[in-house]
Amino acid sequence: MAKVSVGRYLAGDVGATLDFSREFESGVRIGAWGTWTDAEDDFGEGGFDKGLYLAIPLDAFFTFSSRDSTTLRWQPLTRDGGARLNRQYELYDLTQERQMGRYWEEYDRMWR
């Protein structure tokens, strides 16, 4: 999956983040992202930030069903101008469970 985010970042710089990830049938997701902004060299490495992550669904550890997951992140430089704000909710995460492809595959069965 590829995701692009555009906007204003932590240092007031403007730029874009490109996020590539792969989700397996178990629900585990592994990915990498990079951010490029118009920040000057005043912030660490300038206007570039990058990192890796591993998201693990909590269903794998409990006997009850849960939609929550935990994420392990590795970000080598945390003082870059391209650093994003840590937000509790992101639009993509809120709408992720709605998969229209599966909706249309099961449409006939729902209305029988």
N, C-alpha and C. Protein backbone atom coordinates (compact mmCIF):
# COMPACT_ATOMS: atom_id res chain seq x y z
N MET A 1 0.85 -1.15 0.00
CA MET A 1 0.00 0.00 0.00
C MET A 1 0.91 1.23 0.00
N ALA A 2 0.48 2.23 -0.70
CA ALA A 2 1.20 3.50 -0.72
C ALA A 2 0.26 4.59 -0.22
N LYS A 3 0.79 5.47 0.64
CA LYS A 3 -0.01 6.56 1.20
C LYS A 3 0.81 7.84 1.12
N VAL A 4 0.18 8.93 0.67
CA VAL A 4 0.83 10.22 0.57
C VAL A 4 0.11 11.20 1.49
N SER A 5 0.86 11.91 2.32
CA SER A 5 0.31 12.94 3.20
C SER A 5 1.02 14.26 2.87
N VAL A 6 0.24 15.31 2.75
CA VAL A 6 0.79 16.63 2.42
C VAL A 6 0.30 17.62 3.45
N GLY A 7 1.18 18.52 3.90
CA GLY A 7 0.74 19.53 4.87
C GLY A 7 1.89 20.23 5.55
N ARG A 8 1.57 20.84 6.69
CA ARG A 8 2.54 21.58 7.51
C ARG A 8 3.04 20.65 8.61
N TYR A 9 4.34 20.74 8.88
CA TYR A 9 4.98 19.84 9.83
C TYR A 9 5.37 20.56 11.11
N LEU A 10 6.03 19.86 12.01
CA LEU A 10 6.32 20.31 13.36
C LEU A 10 7.08 21.64 13.41
N ALA A 11 8.01 21.85 12.55
CA ALA A 11 8.81 23.07 12.56
C ALA A 11 8.17 24.19 11.74
N GLY A 12 6.95 24.01 11.28
CA GLY A 12 6.28 25.01 10.46
C GLY A 12 6.61 24.88 8.99
N ASP A 13 7.38 23.87 8.64
CA ASP A 13 7.74 23.64 7.25
C ASP A 13 6.59 22.96 6.50
N VAL A 14 6.61 23.07 5.19
CA VAL A 14 5.57 22.49 4.35
C VAL A 14 6.22 21.40 3.51
N GLY A 15 5.53 20.25 3.38
CA GLY A 15 6.11 19.16 2.61
C GLY A 15 5.16 18.01 2.44
N ALA A 16 5.73 16.85 2.13
CA ALA A 16 4.94 15.65 1.87
C ALA A 16 5.63 14.43 2.48
N THR A 17 4.81 13.46 2.88
CA THR A 17 5.30 12.20 3.41
C THR A 17 4.82 11.07 2.51
N LEU A 18 5.73 10.20 2.13
CA LEU A 18 5.41 9.02 1.32
C LEU A 18 5.60 7.79 2.20
N ASP A 19 4.56 6.99 2.32
CA ASP A 19 4.55 5.83 3.21
C ASP A 19 4.22 4.58 2.40
N PHE A 20 5.12 3.60 2.41
CA PHE A 20 4.91 2.31 1.76
C PHE A 20 4.80 1.24 2.83
N SER A 21 3.79 0.37 2.72
CA SER A 21 3.66 -0.70 3.70
C SER A 21 3.07 -1.94 3.06
N ARG A 22 3.21 -3.03 3.78
CA ARG A 22 2.66 -4.31 3.34
C ARG A 22 1.93 -4.91 4.53
N GLU A 23 0.66 -5.29 4.33
CA GLU A 23 -0.11 -5.93 5.39
C GLU A 23 -0.31 -7.39 5.04
N PHE A 24 -0.01 -8.26 5.99
CA PHE A 24 -0.12 -9.70 5.78
C PHE A 24 -1.49 -10.18 6.25
N GLU A 25 -1.85 -11.41 5.90
CA GLU A 25 -3.14 -11.96 6.28
C GLU A 25 -3.35 -12.01 7.79
N SER A 26 -2.28 -12.09 8.53
CA SER A 26 -2.37 -12.11 10.00
C SER A 26 -2.72 -10.73 10.56
N GLY A 27 -2.66 -9.69 9.72
CA GLY A 27 -2.92 -8.34 10.18
C GLY A 27 -1.67 -7.56 10.52
N VAL A 28 -0.53 -8.22 10.53
CA VAL A 28 0.74 -7.55 10.81
C VAL A 28 1.10 -6.68 9.61
N ARG A 29 1.51 -5.45 9.88
CA ARG A 29 1.89 -4.52 8.82
C ARG A 29 3.31 -4.05 9.05
N ILE A 30 4.11 -4.07 7.99
CA ILE A 30 5.48 -3.57 8.05
C ILE A 30 5.61 -2.47 6.99
N GLY A 31 6.30 -1.39 7.34
CA GLY A 31 6.38 -0.30 6.39
C GLY A 31 7.54 0.63 6.63
N ALA A 32 7.71 1.54 5.68
CA ALA A 32 8.74 2.57 5.76
C ALA A 32 8.15 3.86 5.21
N TRP A 33 8.65 4.99 5.73
CA TRP A 33 8.17 6.27 5.26
C TRP A 33 9.32 7.26 5.18
N GLY A 34 9.13 8.25 4.33
CA GLY A 34 10.09 9.33 4.18
C GLY A 34 9.34 10.64 4.00
N THR A 35 9.89 11.71 4.55
CA THR A 35 9.28 13.03 4.47
C THR A 35 10.27 14.00 3.85
N TRP A 36 9.80 14.80 2.91
CA TRP A 36 10.60 15.84 2.29
C TRP A 36 9.87 17.17 2.49
N THR A 37 10.57 18.17 3.04
CA THR A 37 9.95 19.47 3.30
C THR A 37 10.87 20.60 2.84
N ASP A 38 10.37 21.83 2.99
CA ASP A 38 11.15 23.00 2.61
C ASP A 38 11.95 23.59 3.78
N ALA A 39 12.21 22.80 4.81
CA ALA A 39 12.97 23.27 5.98
C ALA A 39 14.43 23.51 5.61
N GLU A 40 15.02 24.48 6.28
CA GLU A 40 16.45 24.77 6.09
C GLU A 40 17.28 23.80 6.92
N ASP A 41 18.58 23.96 6.92
CA ASP A 41 19.48 23.09 7.68
C ASP A 41 19.51 23.41 9.17
N ASP A 42 18.58 24.22 9.66
CA ASP A 42 18.52 24.57 11.08
C ASP A 42 18.05 23.40 11.93
N PHE A 43 17.44 22.40 11.32
CA PHE A 43 16.86 21.28 12.07
C PHE A 43 17.55 19.99 11.67
N GLY A 44 18.54 19.56 12.43
CA GLY A 44 19.18 18.27 12.20
C GLY A 44 19.67 18.12 10.77
N GLU A 45 19.08 17.21 10.02
CA GLU A 45 19.48 16.91 8.65
C GLU A 45 18.74 17.77 7.63
N GLY A 46 18.08 18.82 8.06
CA GLY A 46 17.36 19.66 7.11
C GLY A 46 15.91 19.23 6.98
N GLY A 47 15.40 19.19 5.78
CA GLY A 47 13.99 18.90 5.55
C GLY A 47 13.71 17.46 5.18
N PHE A 48 14.48 16.52 5.69
CA PHE A 48 14.25 15.11 5.37
C PHE A 48 14.12 14.31 6.66
N ASP A 49 13.13 13.44 6.70
CA ASP A 49 12.91 12.57 7.86
C ASP A 49 12.51 11.20 7.33
N LYS A 50 12.83 10.16 8.07
CA LYS A 50 12.52 8.80 7.60
C LYS A 50 12.35 7.88 8.79
N GLY A 51 11.77 6.71 8.53
CA GLY A 51 11.59 5.74 9.60
C GLY A 51 11.00 4.44 9.12
N LEU A 52 11.02 3.45 9.97
CA LEU A 52 10.44 2.13 9.73
C LEU A 52 9.44 1.84 10.83
N TYR A 53 8.45 1.00 10.55
CA TYR A 53 7.49 0.63 11.59
C TYR A 53 6.97 -0.78 11.38
N LEU A 54 6.48 -1.35 12.48
CA LEU A 54 5.88 -2.68 12.50
C LEU A 54 4.63 -2.58 13.36
N ALA A 55 3.46 -2.80 12.77
CA ALA A 55 2.19 -2.74 13.50
C ALA A 55 1.68 -4.16 13.70
N ILE A 56 1.37 -4.49 14.95
CA ILE A 56 0.93 -5.85 15.30
C ILE A 56 -0.46 -5.76 15.91
N PRO A 57 -1.44 -6.48 15.34
CA PRO A 57 -2.79 -6.44 15.92
C PRO A 57 -2.81 -7.16 17.27
N LEU A 58 -3.58 -6.61 18.21
CA LEU A 58 -3.63 -7.20 19.55
C LEU A 58 -4.46 -8.48 19.58
N ASP A 59 -5.19 -8.77 18.52
CA ASP A 59 -5.92 -10.03 18.43
C ASP A 59 -4.99 -11.24 18.57
N ALA A 60 -3.75 -11.08 18.17
CA ALA A 60 -2.80 -12.19 18.22
C ALA A 60 -2.44 -12.58 19.65
N PHE A 61 -2.69 -11.72 20.62
CA PHE A 61 -2.26 -11.97 21.99
C PHE A 61 -3.38 -12.25 22.99
N PHE A 62 -4.63 -11.99 22.60
CA PHE A 62 -5.73 -12.12 23.54
C PHE A 62 -6.74 -13.16 23.06
N THR A 63 -7.54 -13.65 23.98
CA THR A 63 -8.57 -14.64 23.64
C THR A 63 -9.86 -13.97 23.18
N PHE A 64 -9.94 -12.64 23.31
CA PHE A 64 -11.13 -11.93 22.85
C PHE A 64 -10.74 -11.07 21.64
N SER A 65 -11.75 -10.71 20.87
CA SER A 65 -11.51 -9.93 19.66
C SER A 65 -11.25 -8.47 19.99
N SER A 66 -10.28 -7.88 19.29
CA SER A 66 -9.94 -6.48 19.49
C SER A 66 -9.53 -5.88 18.15
N ARG A 67 -9.93 -4.64 17.91
CA ARG A 67 -9.52 -3.96 16.68
C ARG A 67 -8.27 -3.13 16.89
N ASP A 68 -7.75 -3.10 18.09
CA ASP A 68 -6.58 -2.30 18.40
C ASP A 68 -5.30 -2.99 17.94
N SER A 69 -4.26 -2.19 17.78
CA SER A 69 -2.95 -2.73 17.43
C SER A 69 -1.89 -1.90 18.14
N THR A 70 -0.69 -2.43 18.21
CA THR A 70 0.43 -1.71 18.78
C THR A 70 1.47 -1.53 17.68
N THR A 71 2.18 -0.44 17.72
CA THR A 71 3.14 -0.13 16.66
C THR A 71 4.52 0.09 17.25
N LEU A 72 5.51 -0.57 16.68
CA LEU A 72 6.91 -0.38 17.02
C LEU A 72 7.52 0.48 15.92
N ARG A 73 8.14 1.60 16.30
CA ARG A 73 8.71 2.53 15.31
C ARG A 73 10.21 2.68 15.53
N TRP A 74 10.91 2.84 14.43
CA TRP A 74 12.33 3.16 14.48
C TRP A 74 12.55 4.39 13.61
N GLN A 75 12.97 5.47 14.25
CA GLN A 75 13.20 6.74 13.58
C GLN A 75 14.59 7.21 13.98
N PRO A 76 15.58 7.09 13.08
CA PRO A 76 16.96 7.36 13.48
C PRO A 76 17.23 8.79 13.91
N LEU A 77 16.55 9.77 13.32
CA LEU A 77 16.75 11.17 13.70
C LEU A 77 15.41 11.74 14.12
N THR A 78 15.32 12.23 15.34
CA THR A 78 14.04 12.73 15.82
C THR A 78 13.98 14.25 15.89
N ARG A 79 15.03 14.93 15.50
CA ARG A 79 15.04 16.39 15.56
C ARG A 79 15.05 17.01 14.16
N ASP A 80 14.57 16.29 13.17
CA ASP A 80 14.55 16.79 11.81
C ASP A 80 13.43 17.80 11.60
N GLY A 81 13.62 18.66 10.62
CA GLY A 81 12.59 19.61 10.26
C GLY A 81 11.36 18.92 9.67
N GLY A 82 11.52 17.74 9.13
CA GLY A 82 10.41 17.00 8.53
C GLY A 82 9.64 16.16 9.52
N ALA A 83 9.82 16.38 10.81
CA ALA A 83 9.13 15.58 11.83
C ALA A 83 7.64 15.91 11.84
N ARG A 84 6.81 14.87 11.90
CA ARG A 84 5.36 15.06 11.92
C ARG A 84 4.88 15.16 13.36
N LEU A 85 3.73 15.81 13.52
CA LEU A 85 3.09 15.84 14.83
C LEU A 85 2.51 14.47 15.12
N ASN A 86 2.60 14.03 16.35
CA ASN A 86 1.97 12.78 16.74
C ASN A 86 0.51 13.07 17.05
N ARG A 87 -0.36 12.61 16.20
CA ARG A 87 -1.79 12.85 16.37
C ARG A 87 -2.45 11.55 16.80
N GLN A 88 -3.48 11.68 17.62
CA GLN A 88 -4.19 10.50 18.09
C GLN A 88 -4.97 9.84 16.95
N TYR A 89 -5.55 10.66 16.07
CA TYR A 89 -6.35 10.13 14.98
C TYR A 89 -5.86 10.69 13.65
N GLU A 90 -5.78 9.83 12.66
CA GLU A 90 -5.50 10.24 11.29
C GLU A 90 -6.67 9.80 10.43
N LEU A 91 -6.97 10.58 9.39
CA LEU A 91 -8.13 10.29 8.55
C LEU A 91 -8.06 8.89 7.96
N TYR A 92 -6.90 8.48 7.47
CA TYR A 92 -6.79 7.16 6.87
C TYR A 92 -7.08 6.06 7.90
N ASP A 93 -6.55 6.21 9.09
CA ASP A 93 -6.77 5.19 10.13
C ASP A 93 -8.24 5.08 10.52
N LEU A 94 -8.94 6.22 10.53
CA LEU A 94 -10.36 6.19 10.88
C LEU A 94 -11.22 5.51 9.83
N THR A 95 -10.81 5.58 8.57
CA THR A 95 -11.60 5.01 7.48
C THR A 95 -11.02 3.70 6.95
N GLN A 96 -9.99 3.19 7.55
CA GLN A 96 -9.29 2.00 7.06
C GLN A 96 -10.17 0.76 7.03
N GLU A 97 -11.04 0.59 8.02
CA GLU A 97 -11.84 -0.63 8.10
C GLU A 97 -12.89 -0.71 7.00
N ARG A 98 -13.23 0.40 6.40
CA ARG A 98 -14.22 0.41 5.33
C ARG A 98 -13.54 0.01 4.04
N GLN A 99 -13.72 -1.23 3.62
CA GLN A 99 -13.14 -1.73 2.40
C GLN A 99 -14.26 -1.95 1.40
N MET A 100 -14.41 -1.03 0.46
CA MET A 100 -15.52 -1.10 -0.48
C MET A 100 -15.44 -2.33 -1.38
N GLY A 101 -14.25 -2.83 -1.64
CA GLY A 101 -14.12 -4.03 -2.46
C GLY A 101 -14.82 -5.21 -1.82
N ARG A 102 -14.63 -5.40 -0.54
CA ARG A 102 -15.30 -6.48 0.17
C ARG A 102 -16.80 -6.22 0.26
N TYR A 103 -17.19 -4.96 0.34
CA TYR A 103 -18.61 -4.62 0.39
C TYR A 103 -19.32 -5.11 -0.87
N TRP A 104 -18.73 -4.84 -2.03
CA TRP A 104 -19.37 -5.24 -3.28
C TRP A 104 -19.31 -6.75 -3.49
N GLU A 105 -18.28 -7.41 -2.98
CA GLU A 105 -18.18 -8.87 -3.09
C GLU A 105 -19.29 -9.55 -2.30
N GLU A 106 -19.68 -8.97 -1.17
CA GLU A 106 -20.68 -9.58 -0.29
C GLU A 106 -22.05 -8.91 -0.41
N TYR A 107 -22.22 -8.03 -1.38
CA TYR A 107 -23.46 -7.26 -1.52
C TYR A 107 -24.68 -8.17 -1.72
N ASP A 108 -24.59 -9.13 -2.63
CA ASP A 108 -25.72 -10.01 -2.89
C ASP A 108 -26.09 -10.83 -1.66
N ARG A 109 -25.12 -11.31 -0.94
CA ARG A 109 -25.38 -12.14 0.23
C ARG A 109 -26.04 -11.33 1.34
N MET A 110 -25.73 -10.04 1.47
CA MET A 110 -26.31 -9.21 2.52
C MET A 110 -27.80 -8.97 2.29
N TRP A 111 -28.23 -8.91 1.05
CA TRP A 111 -29.60 -8.53 0.74
C TRP A 111 -30.49 -9.72 0.43
N ARG A 112 -30.07 -10.91 0.74
CA ARG A 112 -30.90 -12.11 0.51
C ARG A 112 -31.79 -12.36 1.68
